[in-house]
Structure formats: C-alpha cells, structure tokens
Amino acid sequence: MYDVTLLKSFQTVAQEASFTKAAEKLHLTQSAVSAHVRRLEEQAGKPLLTRNTRSVALTSEGAMLLGYARAILRLNDEARIRLSGATKTAYLKIGASDDFMSSWLPDVLRDFQATRSGVTIEARVANTGVLLADMERGELDLVVGSRCQGDHTGHLLWREPLVWAYAKRALPDTLSPLSLALFPEPCPYRDAALAALAAAGREWRISMVSPSVGSLRAAAGSAFAVTPLNRSLLTSQLQALGPNAGLPDLPEVEFMVFSRGQDGSPAIGDLSNEIVRAAQLF
C-alpha cells in the first residue's frame, strides 16, 4: 500500500507542476518533497514525473497513479473525519459544465452551503465527458451536465433541442467546408454535430475549439463559425439554422445530475435533490 504522505506530495507536485510551489503549499522543504516523490517512484517501480530545469510533467504511469492518489487521499480524509466523530462535516466536490456554472447553479450551491453547517463545496468546470471520467475515478461526488446519449444513469432535469447557432441574418457559405466552433473532446454536442454532418455528407473543418460557452457564441455571432448549442443558449445576436440552410437536424439534449451513488455522503443526495428542484423553477 502506498504511503499517504508520499501520495500527497506527489499529488501537489502534479497539481502545481513545480517542486518549489508544492513545497511552499505543503510547508516542507523542496528536498523533502523531492525525496517523497523518489520514494513513491521506488514503490511504484516506474518513473512518475519527467523533470527539466523549467517544468515538471506526468509520465503516463504518473497520470494513472494520480487518479488513484486523489481517490485514496479523499477516502483517507473521509475515514479520519468519520472516526473523529465529526460526522456532520461534509466536503463535496462537484463538477458542472460551463453553461450551468455561468447561469443559475452557483446560486443553488451558495444557498445549499449556507443552510448546512459543516458542508463545504468545491466546484470544477469542464465538459461533461471529462467530469464523468473524473467521477468514475472517485475525484468528484456529483456532476451536472448534458448528454445526447449515454449509459450513465442520473436525474433528468430537462430536455431541449440542440441547434446550429450562427449570426443573425447571415448564412454560412454552402460551397466551402463548413467552419465549426466546438467544445473540446469528449463532448456530446461535438459528437452529435460531427455525426450528423457525416450522415448528411457535409464537408466541414474545425475553426475553433473552446471550453467556454461565451467564446463559442462570440464565434457564431461574428459569422466566423457555426456552433452546436442547446436552444436556450441562443442570444439576440444568434439564430438557429437547420435544413433550410443546408444543415442536418440535431438530436435533443438531456440535462442531467449524475452522482456517485450509495458510497458517498448523505449530503450528496441532498444536493442532487436541491439541484433537481431548482431546475424545475428555471
């Protein structure tokens, strides 16, 4: 079994991409942190980090161990809290896509945390696919995101159409490859859009990739590129295009709350229910 002290030093170095910054954060000397990582590499039997004079990066084995390290350290913290008798303390890590965190979800998180003594929430913003993978590794308790299809079970918040967003009173050039602005992989919007274009035999090129809803809307609003978005994200500068503009129909989007299930804190279920209730008012 790996020593949690070594795992904590390794995790901090990976997060900070620096032995110096990790030592400052852990209130240790740099030589002590370096010794911890070397001992962990000896235990693992493989190099976990690549080092040069300017940067630190994970090896493929290091990236694998980092996921386990986060889960082990989290479980260690939970066990310490429960055995100390502080059962009312809950540290919840949630993930949410940008469209949720740039609208109403922060208000829900604020109110939930304010009305429950001992509950602390940390939110991570990324694409739903990335967040679900993080949750499977034990790094997140709950994910709020979207899907066009998928095997993960969860609470359905609502459904709405996925549309091609583009500048008002403009049409994309139908003769050249269609310019696209997309979320990074893995992304249900991206997958659905590319599958629909392939089925329709429409040529395309990726002109922009961004994790930000705002930048994708700006790209569409300036007629730089077409972007697939759920209909409620359209602004007054955007229109929804379809077959009349030579673009294939897109599937509906399902907005969901996914959670770790029965192995987490009761507060996870409470927060999930609160998000479901808030979405009904949205």
C-alpha atoms as a PDB file:
ATOM      1  CA  MET A   1       0.000   0.000   0.000  1.00  0.00           C
ATOM      2  CA  TYR A   2       1.268   3.458  -0.868  1.00  0.00           C
ATOM      3  CA  ASP A   3       2.095   5.897   1.946  1.00  0.00           C
ATOM      4  CA  VAL A   4      -0.449   8.739   2.038  1.00  0.00           C
ATOM      5  CA  THR A   5       2.299  11.264   2.851  1.00  0.00           C
ATOM      6  CA  LEU A   6       4.118  10.323  -0.344  1.00  0.00           C
ATOM      7  CA  LEU A   7       0.892  10.404  -2.328  1.00  0.00           C
ATOM      8  CA  LYS A   8       0.051  13.873  -1.014  1.00  0.00           C
ATOM      9  CA  SER A   9       3.442  15.250  -2.031  1.00  0.00           C
ATOM     10  CA  PHE A  10       3.153  13.631  -5.464  1.00  0.00           C
ATOM     11  CA  GLN A  11      -0.366  14.979  -5.980  1.00  0.00           C
ATOM     12  CA  THR A  12       0.680  18.503  -5.002  1.00  0.00           C
ATOM     13  CA  VAL A  13       3.697  18.468  -7.336  1.00  0.00           C
ATOM     14  CA  ALA A  14       1.461  17.287 -10.172  1.00  0.00           C
ATOM     15  CA  GLN A  15      -1.114  20.000  -9.447  1.00  0.00           C
ATOM     16  CA  GLU A  16       1.459  22.790  -9.156  1.00  0.00           C
ATOM     17  CA  ALA A  17       3.759  21.443 -11.917  1.00  0.00           C
ATOM     18  CA  SER A  18       6.598  22.537  -9.654  1.00  0.00           C
ATOM     19  CA  PHE A  19       8.542  21.082  -6.734  1.00  0.00           C
ATOM     20  CA  THR A  20       9.156  24.579  -5.370  1.00  0.00           C
ATOM     21  CA  LYS A  21       5.487  25.571  -5.373  1.00  0.00           C
ATOM     22  CA  ALA A  22       4.477  22.186  -3.959  1.00  0.00           C
ATOM     23  CA  ALA A  23       6.953  22.586  -1.093  1.00  0.00           C
ATOM     24  CA  GLU A  24       5.555  26.035  -0.299  1.00  0.00           C
ATOM     25  CA  LYS A  25       1.995  24.730  -0.314  1.00  0.00           C
ATOM     26  CA  LEU A  26       2.862  21.747   1.899  1.00  0.00           C
ATOM     27  CA  HIS A  27       5.093  23.815   4.221  1.00  0.00           C
ATOM     28  CA  LEU A  28       8.008  21.454   3.554  1.00  0.00           C
ATOM     29  CA  THR A  29      11.468  21.873   2.111  1.00  0.00           C
ATOM     30  CA  GLN A  30      11.924  21.211  -1.587  1.00  0.00           C
ATOM     31  CA  SER A  31      14.368  18.413  -0.802  1.00  0.00           C
ATOM     32  CA  ALA A  32      11.758  16.716   1.402  1.00  0.00           C
ATOM     33  CA  VAL A  33       9.142  16.831  -1.377  1.00  0.00           C
ATOM     34  CA  SER A  34      11.686  15.511  -3.896  1.00  0.00           C
ATOM     35  CA  ALA A  35      12.553  12.670  -1.501  1.00  0.00           C
ATOM     36  CA  HIS A  36       8.858  11.790  -1.123  1.00  0.00           C
ATOM     37  CA  VAL A  37       8.399  11.561  -4.890  1.00  0.00           C
ATOM     38  CA  ARG A  38      11.562   9.474  -5.311  1.00  0.00           C
ATOM     39  CA  ARG A  39      10.369   7.035  -2.632  1.00  0.00           C
ATOM     40  CA  LEU A  40       6.973   6.781  -4.312  1.00  0.00           C
ATOM     41  CA  GLU A  41       8.649   6.084  -7.657  1.00  0.00           C
ATOM     42  CA  GLU A  42      10.689   3.350  -5.969  1.00  0.00           C
ATOM     43  CA  GLN A  43       7.497   1.808  -4.589  1.00  0.00           C
ATOM     44  CA  ALA A  44       5.776   2.046  -7.974  1.00  0.00           C
ATOM     45  CA  GLY A  45       8.831   0.736  -9.822  1.00  0.00           C
ATOM     46  CA  LYS A  46       8.320   3.308 -12.563  1.00  0.00           C
ATOM     47  CA  PRO A  47       9.099   6.990 -13.179  1.00  0.00           C
ATOM     48  CA  LEU A  48       6.057   9.109 -12.359  1.00  0.00           C
ATOM     49  CA  LEU A  49       7.336  12.551 -13.386  1.00  0.00           C
ATOM     50  CA  THR A  50       9.601  13.952 -16.059  1.00  0.00           C
ATOM     51  CA  ARG A  51      11.729  16.837 -14.851  1.00  0.00           C
ATOM     52  CA  ASN A  52      13.819  19.542 -16.500  1.00  0.00           C
ATOM     53  CA  THR A  53      15.086  22.931 -15.397  1.00  0.00           C
ATOM     54  CA  ARG A  54      11.810  24.682 -16.226  1.00  0.00           C
ATOM     55  CA  SER A  55       8.924  22.263 -15.840  1.00  0.00           C
ATOM     56  CA  VAL A  56       7.556  19.076 -14.320  1.00  0.00           C
ATOM     57  CA  ALA A  57       5.182  16.775 -16.214  1.00  0.00           C
ATOM     58  CA  LEU A  58       3.460  13.469 -15.534  1.00  0.00           C
ATOM     59  CA  THR A  59       4.518  10.292 -17.281  1.00  0.00           C
ATOM     60  CA  SER A  60       1.732   8.004 -18.484  1.00  0.00           C
ATOM     61  CA  GLU A  61       2.215   5.901 -15.333  1.00  0.00           C
ATOM     62  CA  GLY A  62       2.177   9.073 -13.235  1.00  0.00           C
ATOM     63  CA  ALA A  63      -1.102  10.197 -14.768  1.00  0.00           C
ATOM     64  CA  MET A  64      -2.601   6.808 -13.930  1.00  0.00           C
ATOM     65  CA  LEU A  65      -1.369   6.866 -10.344  1.00  0.00           C
ATOM     66  CA  LEU A  66      -2.540  10.461  -9.847  1.00  0.00           C
ATOM     67  CA  GLY A  67      -6.164   9.376 -10.292  1.00  0.00           C
ATOM     68  CA  TYR A  68      -5.735   6.667  -7.682  1.00  0.00           C
ATOM     69  CA  ALA A  69      -3.827   9.033  -5.380  1.00  0.00           C
ATOM     70  CA  ARG A  70      -6.683  11.532  -5.373  1.00  0.00           C
ATOM     71  CA  ALA A  71      -9.202   8.808  -4.550  1.00  0.00           C
ATOM     72  CA  ILE A  72      -7.006   7.314  -1.803  1.00  0.00           C
ATOM     73  CA  LEU A  73      -6.359  10.686  -0.172  1.00  0.00           C
ATOM     74  CA  ARG A  74     -10.041  11.559  -0.322  1.00  0.00           C
ATOM     75  CA  LEU A  75     -11.061   8.274   1.297  1.00  0.00           C
ATOM     76  CA  ASN A  76      -8.363   8.765   3.928  1.00  0.00           C
ATOM     77  CA  ASP A  77      -9.761  12.203   4.785  1.00  0.00           C
ATOM     78  CA  GLU A  78     -13.315  10.856   4.950  1.00  0.00           C
ATOM     79  CA  ALA A  79     -12.246   7.996   7.246  1.00  0.00           C
ATOM     80  CA  ARG A  80     -10.384  10.389   9.555  1.00  0.00           C
ATOM     81  CA  ILE A  81     -13.405  12.698   9.773  1.00  0.00           C
ATOM     82  CA  ARG A  82     -15.856   9.876  10.474  1.00  0.00           C
ATOM     83  CA  LEU A  83     -13.658   8.209  13.089  1.00  0.00           C
ATOM     84  CA  SER A  84     -13.105  11.520  14.849  1.00  0.00           C
ATOM     85  CA  GLY A  85     -16.858  11.759  15.399  1.00  0.00           C
ATOM     86  CA  ALA A  86     -17.292  14.798  13.145  1.00  0.00           C
ATOM     87  CA  THR A  87     -19.998  13.064  11.162  1.00  0.00           C
ATOM     88  CA  LYS A  88     -21.749  16.302  10.266  1.00  0.00           C
ATOM     89  CA  THR A  89     -18.732  17.526   8.306  1.00  0.00           C
ATOM     90  CA  ALA A  90     -19.024  17.035   4.538  1.00  0.00           C
ATOM     91  CA  TYR A  91     -16.640  18.161   1.807  1.00  0.00           C
ATOM     92  CA  LEU A  92     -18.388  17.852  -1.534  1.00  0.00           C
ATOM     93  CA  LYS A  93     -16.587  18.016  -4.863  1.00  0.00           C
ATOM     94  CA  ILE A  94     -18.911  18.652  -7.776  1.00  0.00           C
ATOM     95  CA  GLY A  95     -18.396  19.096 -11.490  1.00  0.00           C
ATOM     96  CA  ALA A  96     -20.537  21.189 -13.806  1.00  0.00           C
ATOM     97  CA  SER A  97     -20.408  22.289 -17.418  1.00  0.00           C
ATOM     98  CA  ASP A  98     -19.859  25.950 -18.235  1.00  0.00           C
ATOM     99  CA  ASP A  99     -23.470  26.657 -19.196  1.00  0.00           C
ATOM    100  CA  PHE A 100     -24.626  25.678 -15.690  1.00  0.00           C
ATOM    101  CA  MET A 101     -21.886  27.483 -13.796  1.00  0.00           C
ATOM    102  CA  SER A 102     -22.342  30.664 -15.826  1.00  0.00           C
ATOM    103  CA  SER A 103     -26.071  30.843 -15.011  1.00  0.00           C
ATOM    104  CA  TRP A 104     -28.147  29.630 -12.057  1.00  0.00           C
ATOM    105  CA  LEU A 105     -26.165  26.785 -10.466  1.00  0.00           C
ATOM    106  CA  PRO A 106     -23.807  28.962  -8.341  1.00  0.00           C
ATOM    107  CA  ASP A 107     -26.858  30.404  -6.545  1.00  0.00           C
ATOM    108  CA  VAL A 108     -28.034  26.878  -5.686  1.00  0.00           C
ATOM    109  CA  LEU A 109     -24.601  25.905  -4.382  1.00  0.00           C
ATOM    110  CA  ARG A 110     -24.346  29.070  -2.294  1.00  0.00           C
ATOM    111  CA  ASP A 111     -27.742  28.567  -0.676  1.00  0.00           C
ATOM    112  CA  PHE A 112     -27.118  24.859  -0.041  1.00  0.00           C
ATOM    113  CA  GLN A 113     -23.788  25.519   1.641  1.00  0.00           C
ATOM    114  CA  ALA A 114     -25.145  28.438   3.675  1.00  0.00           C
ATOM    115  CA  THR A 115     -28.017  26.418   5.160  1.00  0.00           C
ATOM    116  CA  ARG A 116     -25.989  23.322   6.096  1.00  0.00           C
ATOM    117  CA  SER A 117     -23.424  23.687   8.833  1.00  0.00           C
ATOM    118  CA  GLY A 118     -20.213  21.808   8.140  1.00  0.00           C
ATOM    119  CA  VAL A 119     -20.771  21.448   4.384  1.00  0.00           C
ATOM    120  CA  THR A 120     -18.069  22.757   2.058  1.00  0.00           C
ATOM    121  CA  ILE A 121     -18.444  22.658  -1.714  1.00  0.00           C
ATOM    122  CA  GLU A 122     -15.695  22.742  -4.321  1.00  0.00           C
ATOM    123  CA  ALA A 123     -16.835  23.096  -7.951  1.00  0.00           C
ATOM    124  CA  ARG A 124     -14.873  22.078 -11.044  1.00  0.00           C
ATOM    125  CA  VAL A 125     -15.912  23.355 -14.504  1.00  0.00           C
ATOM    126  CA  ALA A 126     -15.248  21.232 -17.598  1.00  0.00           C
ATOM    127  CA  ASN A 127     -17.038  19.267 -20.316  1.00  0.00           C
ATOM    128  CA  THR A 128     -19.485  16.626 -19.107  1.00  0.00           C
ATOM    129  CA  GLY A 129     -17.429  13.753 -20.515  1.00  0.00           C
ATOM    130  CA  VAL A 130     -14.310  14.869 -18.655  1.00  0.00           C
ATOM    131  CA  LEU A 131     -16.263  15.330 -15.424  1.00  0.00           C
ATOM    132  CA  LEU A 132     -17.914  11.900 -15.616  1.00  0.00           C
ATOM    133  CA  ALA A 133     -14.486  10.305 -16.060  1.00  0.00           C
ATOM    134  CA  ASP A 134     -13.293  12.251 -13.005  1.00  0.00           C
ATOM    135  CA  MET A 135     -16.284  10.982 -11.019  1.00  0.00           C
ATOM    136  CA  GLU A 136     -15.575   7.382 -12.027  1.00  0.00           C
ATOM    137  CA  ARG A 137     -12.048   7.806 -10.628  1.00  0.00           C
ATOM    138  CA  GLY A 138     -13.520   8.989  -7.326  1.00  0.00           C
ATOM    139  CA  GLU A 139     -12.439  12.611  -7.777  1.00  0.00           C
ATOM    140  CA  LEU A 140     -15.979  14.044  -7.863  1.00  0.00           C
ATOM    141  CA  ASP A 141     -19.146  13.294  -5.914  1.00  0.00           C
ATOM    142  CA  LEU A 142     -21.665  14.765  -8.319  1.00  0.00           C
ATOM    143  CA  VAL A 143     -21.766  16.037 -11.923  1.00  0.00           C
ATOM    144  CA  VAL A 144     -24.256  18.429 -13.504  1.00  0.00           C
ATOM    145  CA  GLY A 145     -24.077  18.314 -17.274  1.00  0.00           C
ATOM    146  CA  SER A 146     -25.645  17.383 -20.579  1.00  0.00           C
ATOM    147  CA  ARG A 147     -25.749  14.436 -22.943  1.00  0.00           C
ATOM    148  CA  CYS A 148     -27.247  13.464 -26.277  1.00  0.00           C
ATOM    149  CA  GLN A 149     -26.920   9.798 -25.383  1.00  0.00           C
ATOM    150  CA  GLY A 150     -25.056   7.787 -22.787  1.00  0.00           C
ATOM    151  CA  ASP A 151     -25.059   4.947 -20.303  1.00  0.00           C
ATOM    152  CA  HIS A 152     -24.677   6.920 -17.078  1.00  0.00           C
ATOM    153  CA  THR A 153     -27.830   6.939 -15.001  1.00  0.00           C
ATOM    154  CA  GLY A 154     -28.938  10.041 -13.158  1.00  0.00           C
ATOM    155  CA  HIS A 155     -31.736  12.529 -12.552  1.00  0.00           C
ATOM    156  CA  LEU A 156     -33.172  14.152 -15.666  1.00  0.00           C
ATOM    157  CA  LEU A 157     -33.501  17.927 -15.291  1.00  0.00           C
ATOM    158  CA  TRP A 158     -34.980  18.793 -18.690  1.00  0.00           C
ATOM    159  CA  ARG A 159     -34.654  18.251 -22.445  1.00  0.00           C
ATOM    160  CA  GLU A 160     -34.329  20.760 -25.245  1.00  0.00           C
ATOM    161  CA  PRO A 161     -33.235  20.806 -28.908  1.00  0.00           C
ATOM    162  CA  LEU A 162     -29.621  21.030 -29.978  1.00  0.00           C
ATOM    163  CA  VAL A 163     -29.356  23.597 -32.787  1.00  0.00           C
ATOM    164  CA  TRP A 164     -26.796  25.087 -35.145  1.00  0.00           C
ATOM    165  CA  ALA A 165     -26.116  28.607 -33.841  1.00  0.00           C
ATOM    166  CA  TYR A 166     -24.977  31.317 -36.260  1.00  0.00           C
ATOM    167  CA  ALA A 167     -25.072  35.073 -36.711  1.00  0.00           C
ATOM    168  CA  LYS A 168     -28.492  36.679 -37.210  1.00  0.00           C
ATOM    169  CA  ARG A 169     -29.440  37.430 -40.822  1.00  0.00           C
ATOM    170  CA  ALA A 170     -26.450  35.507 -42.157  1.00  0.00           C
ATOM    171  CA  LEU A 171     -25.892  32.115 -43.746  1.00  0.00           C
ATOM    172  CA  PRO A 172     -22.695  30.055 -43.786  1.00  0.00           C
ATOM    173  CA  ASP A 173     -21.014  29.525 -47.152  1.00  0.00           C
ATOM    174  CA  THR A 174     -22.545  26.351 -48.581  1.00  0.00           C
ATOM    175  CA  LEU A 175     -19.801  25.874 -51.177  1.00  0.00           C
ATOM    176  CA  SER A 176     -16.715  25.661 -48.934  1.00  0.00           C
ATOM    177  CA  PRO A 177     -16.297  23.277 -45.950  1.00  0.00           C
ATOM    178  CA  LEU A 178     -18.485  24.336 -43.045  1.00  0.00           C
ATOM    179  CA  SER A 179     -16.466  26.192 -40.396  1.00  0.00           C
ATOM    180  CA  LEU A 180     -17.193  24.853 -36.914  1.00  0.00           C
ATOM    181  CA  ALA A 181     -16.588  26.168 -33.408  1.00  0.00           C
ATOM    182  CA  LEU A 182     -16.721  23.270 -30.935  1.00  0.00           C
ATOM    183  CA  PHE A 183     -16.200  22.295 -27.335  1.00  0.00           C
ATOM    184  CA  PRO A 184     -13.102  20.107 -26.717  1.00  0.00           C
ATOM    185  CA  GLU A 185     -13.412  16.339 -26.682  1.00  0.00           C
ATOM    186  CA  PRO A 186     -15.131  14.492 -25.116  1.00  0.00           C
ATOM    187  CA  CYS A 187     -18.332  16.445 -25.698  1.00  0.00           C
ATOM    188  CA  PRO A 188     -21.865  15.244 -26.578  1.00  0.00           C
ATOM    189  CA  TYR A 189     -22.576  18.374 -28.651  1.00  0.00           C
ATOM    190  CA  ARG A 190     -19.412  17.873 -30.670  1.00  0.00           C
ATOM    191  CA  ASP A 191     -20.076  14.165 -31.218  1.00  0.00           C
ATOM    192  CA  ALA A 192     -23.686  14.748 -32.256  1.00  0.00           C
ATOM    193  CA  ALA A 193     -22.764  17.564 -34.652  1.00  0.00           C
ATOM    194  CA  LEU A 194     -19.980  15.653 -36.404  1.00  0.00           C
ATOM    195  CA  ALA A 195     -22.109  12.500 -36.670  1.00  0.00           C
ATOM    196  CA  ALA A 196     -24.979  14.479 -38.218  1.00  0.00           C
ATOM    197  CA  LEU A 197     -22.680  16.172 -40.743  1.00  0.00           C
ATOM    198  CA  ALA A 198     -21.091  12.831 -41.676  1.00  0.00           C
ATOM    199  CA  ALA A 199     -24.523  11.242 -42.197  1.00  0.00           C
ATOM    200  CA  ALA A 200     -25.533  14.197 -44.395  1.00  0.00           C
ATOM    201  CA  GLY A 201     -22.310  14.051 -46.410  1.00  0.00           C
ATOM    202  CA  ARG A 202     -21.483  17.651 -45.498  1.00  0.00           C
ATOM    203  CA  GLU A 203     -17.820  18.705 -45.545  1.00  0.00           C
ATOM    204  CA  TRP A 204     -16.561  20.563 -42.500  1.00  0.00           C
ATOM    205  CA  ARG A 205     -13.472  21.932 -40.813  1.00  0.00           C
ATOM    206  CA  ILE A 206     -12.836  22.861 -37.187  1.00  0.00           C
ATOM    207  CA  SER A 207     -12.009  26.547 -36.975  1.00  0.00           C
ATOM    208  CA  MET A 208     -12.086  26.933 -33.206  1.00  0.00           C
ATOM    209  CA  VAL A 209     -12.089  24.782 -30.060  1.00  0.00           C
ATOM    210  CA  SER A 210     -13.003  26.303 -26.714  1.00  0.00           C
ATOM    211  CA  PRO A 211     -14.407  25.120 -23.352  1.00  0.00           C
ATOM    212  CA  SER A 212     -16.221  28.459 -22.959  1.00  0.00           C
ATOM    213  CA  VAL A 213     -19.841  28.983 -23.985  1.00  0.00           C
ATOM    214  CA  GLY A 214     -19.143  32.702 -24.280  1.00  0.00           C
ATOM    215  CA  SER A 215     -16.340  32.286 -26.815  1.00  0.00           C
ATOM    216  CA  LEU A 216     -18.367  29.810 -28.907  1.00  0.00           C
ATOM    217  CA  ARG A 217     -21.293  32.235 -29.015  1.00  0.00           C
ATOM    218  CA  ALA A 218     -18.919  35.040 -29.999  1.00  0.00           C
ATOM    219  CA  ALA A 219     -17.514  32.944 -32.843  1.00  0.00           C
ATOM    220  CA  ALA A 220     -21.020  32.193 -34.109  1.00  0.00           C
ATOM    221  CA  GLY A 221     -22.262  35.763 -33.609  1.00  0.00           C
ATOM    222  CA  SER A 222     -19.400  37.161 -35.699  1.00  0.00           C
ATOM    223  CA  ALA A 223     -20.149  34.664 -38.517  1.00  0.00           C
ATOM    224  CA  PHE A 224     -16.699  33.147 -38.005  1.00  0.00           C
ATOM    225  CA  ALA A 225     -18.078  29.650 -37.470  1.00  0.00           C
ATOM    226  CA  VAL A 226     -21.234  27.645 -36.818  1.00  0.00           C
ATOM    227  CA  THR A 227     -21.508  26.073 -33.360  1.00  0.00           C
ATOM    228  CA  PRO A 228     -23.900  23.435 -31.952  1.00  0.00           C
ATOM    229  CA  LEU A 229     -25.619  24.734 -28.805  1.00  0.00           C
ATOM    230  CA  ASN A 230     -28.769  23.936 -26.884  1.00  0.00           C
ATOM    231  CA  ARG A 231     -31.547  26.331 -27.898  1.00  0.00           C
ATOM    232  CA  SER A 232     -31.724  28.159 -24.562  1.00  0.00           C
ATOM    233  CA  LEU A 233     -28.137  29.401 -25.043  1.00  0.00           C
ATOM    234  CA  LEU A 234     -29.056  31.430 -28.136  1.00  0.00           C
ATOM    235  CA  THR A 235     -28.734  35.190 -27.695  1.00  0.00           C
ATOM    236  CA  SER A 236     -30.309  38.069 -29.593  1.00  0.00           C
ATOM    237  CA  GLN A 237     -27.282  38.035 -31.917  1.00  0.00           C
ATOM    238  CA  LEU A 238     -27.790  34.399 -32.885  1.00  0.00           C
ATOM    239  CA  GLN A 239     -30.224  32.349 -34.941  1.00  0.00           C
ATOM    240  CA  ALA A 240     -30.874  28.615 -35.132  1.00  0.00           C
ATOM    241  CA  LEU A 241     -30.125  27.116 -38.556  1.00  0.00           C
ATOM    242  CA  GLY A 242     -31.489  23.857 -39.923  1.00  0.00           C
ATOM    243  CA  PRO A 243     -32.287  22.025 -43.166  1.00  0.00           C
ATOM    244  CA  ASN A 244     -33.287  25.276 -44.906  1.00  0.00           C
ATOM    245  CA  ALA A 245     -29.669  26.381 -44.535  1.00  0.00           C
ATOM    246  CA  GLY A 246     -28.332  23.032 -45.698  1.00  0.00           C
ATOM    247  CA  LEU A 247     -27.615  21.753 -42.200  1.00  0.00           C
ATOM    248  CA  PRO A 248     -28.886  18.438 -40.792  1.00  0.00           C
ATOM    249  CA  ASP A 249     -31.196  18.185 -37.803  1.00  0.00           C
ATOM    250  CA  LEU A 250     -29.544  17.596 -34.433  1.00  0.00           C
ATOM    251  CA  PRO A 251     -30.811  15.443 -31.540  1.00  0.00           C
ATOM    252  CA  GLU A 252     -32.296  16.641 -28.289  1.00  0.00           C
ATOM    253  CA  VAL A 253     -30.031  17.376 -25.339  1.00  0.00           C
ATOM    254  CA  GLU A 254     -30.732  15.876 -21.927  1.00  0.00           C
ATOM    255  CA  PHE A 255     -29.590  17.874 -18.908  1.00  0.00           C
ATOM    256  CA  MET A 256     -28.752  15.591 -16.021  1.00  0.00           C
ATOM    257  CA  VAL A 257     -27.449  15.282 -12.480  1.00  0.00           C
ATOM    258  CA  PHE A 258     -25.114  12.304 -12.016  1.00  0.00           C
ATOM    259  CA  SER A 259     -23.846  11.186  -8.609  1.00  0.00           C
ATOM    260  CA  ARG A 260     -21.550   8.541  -7.129  1.00  0.00           C
ATOM    261  CA  GLY A 261     -24.472   6.588  -5.714  1.00  0.00           C
ATOM    262  CA  GLN A 262     -24.662   4.936  -2.329  1.00  0.00           C
ATOM    263  CA  ASP A 263     -20.982   5.150  -1.345  1.00  0.00           C
ATOM    264  CA  GLY A 264     -20.912   8.882  -0.671  1.00  0.00           C
ATOM    265  CA  SER A 265     -22.100  11.308   1.979  1.00  0.00           C
ATOM    266  CA  PRO A 266     -25.868  11.773   2.503  1.00  0.00           C
ATOM    267  CA  ALA A 267     -25.231  15.417   1.616  1.00  0.00           C
ATOM    268  CA  ILE A 268     -24.601  14.318  -1.994  1.00  0.00           C
ATOM    269  CA  GLY A 269     -28.173  13.095  -2.305  1.00  0.00           C
ATOM    270  CA  ASP A 270     -29.478  16.230  -0.624  1.00  0.00           C
ATOM    271  CA  LEU A 271     -27.584  18.467  -3.050  1.00  0.00           C
ATOM    272  CA  SER A 272     -28.737  16.414  -6.029  1.00  0.00           C
ATOM    273  CA  ASN A 273     -32.361  16.796  -4.937  1.00  0.00           C
ATOM    274  CA  GLU A 274     -31.875  20.532  -4.436  1.00  0.00           C
ATOM    275  CA  ILE A 275     -30.495  20.921  -7.969  1.00  0.00           C
ATOM    276  CA  VAL A 276     -33.439  18.953  -9.382  1.00  0.00           C
ATOM    277  CA  ARG A 277     -35.891  21.230  -7.542  1.00  0.00           C
ATOM    278  CA  ALA A 278     -34.096  24.381  -8.696  1.00  0.00           C
ATOM    279  CA  ALA A 279     -34.117  23.188 -12.316  1.00  0.00           C
ATOM    280  CA  GLN A 280     -37.893  22.841 -12.200  1.00  0.00           C
ATOM    281  CA  LEU A 281     -38.114  26.559 -11.438  1.00  0.00           C
ATOM    282  CA  PHE A 282     -35.574  27.540 -14.062  1.00  0.00           C
END
